[in-house]
Amino acid sequence: MTAKQTDKENNEKTKRKELKALGFIIVVLFPILSVFAIGGYGLIIWLMQVFGGASPH
């Protein structure tokens, strides 16, 4: 096994790990963060209405 083969295998392993990490971020992390962000915003608005009164129309 030469140094080039070892480097190539390491590059392939690194690429595979990076693709898995990207897939995790896209499929799992972004949707969860989106739900928390939207839910948090809704909670803030709701609490403002509860303690500050409804906004006038």
N, C-alpha and C. Protein backbone atom coordinates (compact mmCIF):
# COMPACT_ATOMS: atom_id res chain seq x y z
N MET A 1 0.86 -1.17 0.00
CA MET A 1 0.00 0.00 0.00
C MET A 1 0.90 1.24 0.00
N THR A 2 0.64 2.10 -0.91
CA THR A 2 1.46 3.29 -1.03
C THR A 2 0.82 4.46 -0.29
N ALA A 3 1.58 5.52 -0.19
CA ALA A 3 1.07 6.71 0.50
C ALA A 3 -0.10 7.31 -0.26
N LYS A 4 -0.05 7.24 -1.61
CA LYS A 4 -1.16 7.79 -2.40
C LYS A 4 -2.45 7.02 -2.16
N GLN A 5 -2.34 5.69 -2.06
CA GLN A 5 -3.54 4.90 -1.80
C GLN A 5 -4.12 5.22 -0.43
N THR A 6 -3.24 5.38 0.56
CA THR A 6 -3.71 5.71 1.90
C THR A 6 -4.38 7.07 1.92
N ASP A 7 -3.78 8.05 1.23
CA ASP A 7 -4.39 9.38 1.15
C ASP A 7 -5.74 9.32 0.46
N LYS A 8 -5.82 8.52 -0.60
CA LYS A 8 -7.08 8.41 -1.34
C LYS A 8 -8.17 7.79 -0.45
N GLU A 9 -7.81 6.75 0.30
CA GLU A 9 -8.78 6.12 1.19
C GLU A 9 -9.21 7.08 2.30
N ASN A 10 -8.25 7.84 2.83
CA ASN A 10 -8.59 8.82 3.87
C ASN A 10 -9.50 9.90 3.32
N ASN A 11 -9.24 10.34 2.09
CA ASN A 11 -10.09 11.36 1.47
C ASN A 11 -11.50 10.83 1.26
N GLU A 12 -11.62 9.56 0.85
CA GLU A 12 -12.95 8.97 0.65
C GLU A 12 -13.69 8.85 1.97
N LYS A 13 -12.98 8.46 3.03
CA LYS A 13 -13.61 8.36 4.35
C LYS A 13 -14.06 9.73 4.84
N THR A 14 -13.20 10.72 4.63
CA THR A 14 -13.54 12.08 5.04
C THR A 14 -14.74 12.59 4.26
N LYS A 15 -14.76 12.32 2.97
CA LYS A 15 -15.89 12.76 2.14
C LYS A 15 -17.18 12.10 2.60
N ARG A 16 -17.12 10.81 2.92
CA ARG A 16 -18.29 10.08 3.38
C ARG A 16 -18.80 10.66 4.70
N LYS A 17 -17.86 10.97 5.62
CA LYS A 17 -18.26 11.56 6.90
C LYS A 17 -18.90 12.93 6.71
N GLU A 18 -18.32 13.72 5.82
CA GLU A 18 -18.87 15.06 5.57
C GLU A 18 -20.26 14.98 4.95
N LEU A 19 -20.48 14.03 4.05
CA LEU A 19 -21.80 13.88 3.45
C LEU A 19 -22.83 13.44 4.49
N LYS A 20 -22.42 12.54 5.40
CA LYS A 20 -23.33 12.13 6.47
C LYS A 20 -23.67 13.30 7.38
N ALA A 21 -22.66 14.11 7.69
CA ALA A 21 -22.90 15.28 8.54
C ALA A 21 -23.83 16.27 7.85
N LEU A 22 -23.63 16.49 6.56
CA LEU A 22 -24.50 17.40 5.80
C LEU A 22 -25.92 16.86 5.76
N GLY A 23 -26.07 15.57 5.54
CA GLY A 23 -27.40 14.96 5.54
C GLY A 23 -28.09 15.12 6.89
N PHE A 24 -27.33 14.94 7.96
CA PHE A 24 -27.89 15.12 9.31
C PHE A 24 -28.36 16.55 9.51
N ILE A 25 -27.54 17.49 9.08
CA ILE A 25 -27.89 18.91 9.25
C ILE A 25 -29.15 19.24 8.46
N ILE A 26 -29.23 18.77 7.21
CA ILE A 26 -30.36 19.11 6.35
C ILE A 26 -31.64 18.40 6.79
N VAL A 27 -31.53 17.10 7.11
CA VAL A 27 -32.72 16.29 7.38
C VAL A 27 -33.21 16.43 8.82
N VAL A 28 -32.29 16.59 9.77
CA VAL A 28 -32.68 16.57 11.18
C VAL A 28 -32.57 17.95 11.84
N LEU A 29 -31.41 18.56 11.73
CA LEU A 29 -31.14 19.76 12.51
C LEU A 29 -31.95 20.98 12.05
N PHE A 30 -31.96 21.26 10.75
CA PHE A 30 -32.69 22.44 10.26
C PHE A 30 -34.19 22.36 10.55
N PRO A 31 -34.85 21.23 10.33
CA PRO A 31 -36.29 21.18 10.67
C PRO A 31 -36.55 21.39 12.16
N ILE A 32 -35.72 20.81 13.01
CA ILE A 32 -35.92 20.97 14.45
C ILE A 32 -35.71 22.43 14.85
N LEU A 33 -34.65 23.04 14.34
CA LEU A 33 -34.41 24.45 14.66
C LEU A 33 -35.52 25.35 14.13
N SER A 34 -36.07 25.01 12.97
CA SER A 34 -37.17 25.81 12.42
C SER A 34 -38.41 25.72 13.31
N VAL A 35 -38.73 24.52 13.76
CA VAL A 35 -39.89 24.35 14.63
C VAL A 35 -39.69 25.12 15.93
N PHE A 36 -38.50 25.03 16.52
CA PHE A 36 -38.24 25.76 17.76
C PHE A 36 -38.30 27.27 17.55
N ALA A 37 -37.76 27.75 16.44
CA ALA A 37 -37.76 29.19 16.18
C ALA A 37 -39.19 29.71 16.00
N ILE A 38 -39.98 29.01 15.20
CA ILE A 38 -41.36 29.44 14.97
C ILE A 38 -42.20 29.30 16.24
N GLY A 39 -42.01 28.20 16.96
CA GLY A 39 -42.72 28.01 18.22
C GLY A 39 -42.34 29.05 19.25
N GLY A 40 -41.05 29.38 19.32
CA GLY A 40 -40.59 30.40 20.26
C GLY A 40 -41.17 31.76 19.93
N TYR A 41 -41.22 32.09 18.65
CA TYR A 41 -41.81 33.36 18.23
C TYR A 41 -43.30 33.40 18.59
N GLY A 42 -43.99 32.31 18.34
CA GLY A 42 -45.41 32.24 18.70
C GLY A 42 -45.62 32.37 20.19
N LEU A 43 -44.75 31.76 20.98
CA LEU A 43 -44.85 31.86 22.43
C LEU A 43 -44.64 33.30 22.89
N ILE A 44 -43.66 33.97 22.31
CA ILE A 44 -43.40 35.37 22.67
C ILE A 44 -44.62 36.24 22.35
N ILE A 45 -45.19 36.06 21.17
CA ILE A 45 -46.38 36.84 20.79
C ILE A 45 -47.54 36.54 21.73
N TRP A 46 -47.74 35.28 22.04
CA TRP A 46 -48.83 34.89 22.93
C TRP A 46 -48.65 35.50 24.32
N LEU A 47 -47.42 35.43 24.86
CA LEU A 47 -47.17 36.01 26.18
C LEU A 47 -47.36 37.52 26.17
N MET A 48 -46.96 38.18 25.09
CA MET A 48 -47.18 39.62 24.98
C MET A 48 -48.67 39.94 25.01
N GLN A 49 -49.47 39.12 24.36
CA GLN A 49 -50.91 39.36 24.34
C GLN A 49 -51.54 39.05 25.69
N VAL A 50 -51.04 38.03 26.37
CA VAL A 50 -51.58 37.68 27.68
C VAL A 50 -51.30 38.78 28.69
N PHE A 51 -50.07 39.26 28.74
CA PHE A 51 -49.68 40.23 29.76
C PHE A 51 -49.87 41.68 29.32
N GLY A 52 -49.88 41.93 28.04
CA GLY A 52 -49.99 43.31 27.57
C GLY A 52 -51.33 43.64 26.98
N GLY A 53 -52.18 42.69 26.87
CA GLY A 53 -53.49 42.92 26.26
C GLY A 53 -53.42 42.72 24.76
N ALA A 54 -54.56 42.47 24.19
CA ALA A 54 -54.63 42.25 22.74
C ALA A 54 -54.34 43.55 22.01
N SER A 55 -53.77 43.44 20.86
CA SER A 55 -53.48 44.64 20.08
C SER A 55 -54.78 45.22 19.53
N PRO A 56 -54.87 46.55 19.47
CA PRO A 56 -56.10 47.17 18.95
C PRO A 56 -56.21 46.95 17.45
N HIS A 57 -57.43 46.87 16.98
CA HIS A 57 -57.65 46.64 15.55
C HIS A 57 -57.94 47.92 14.85
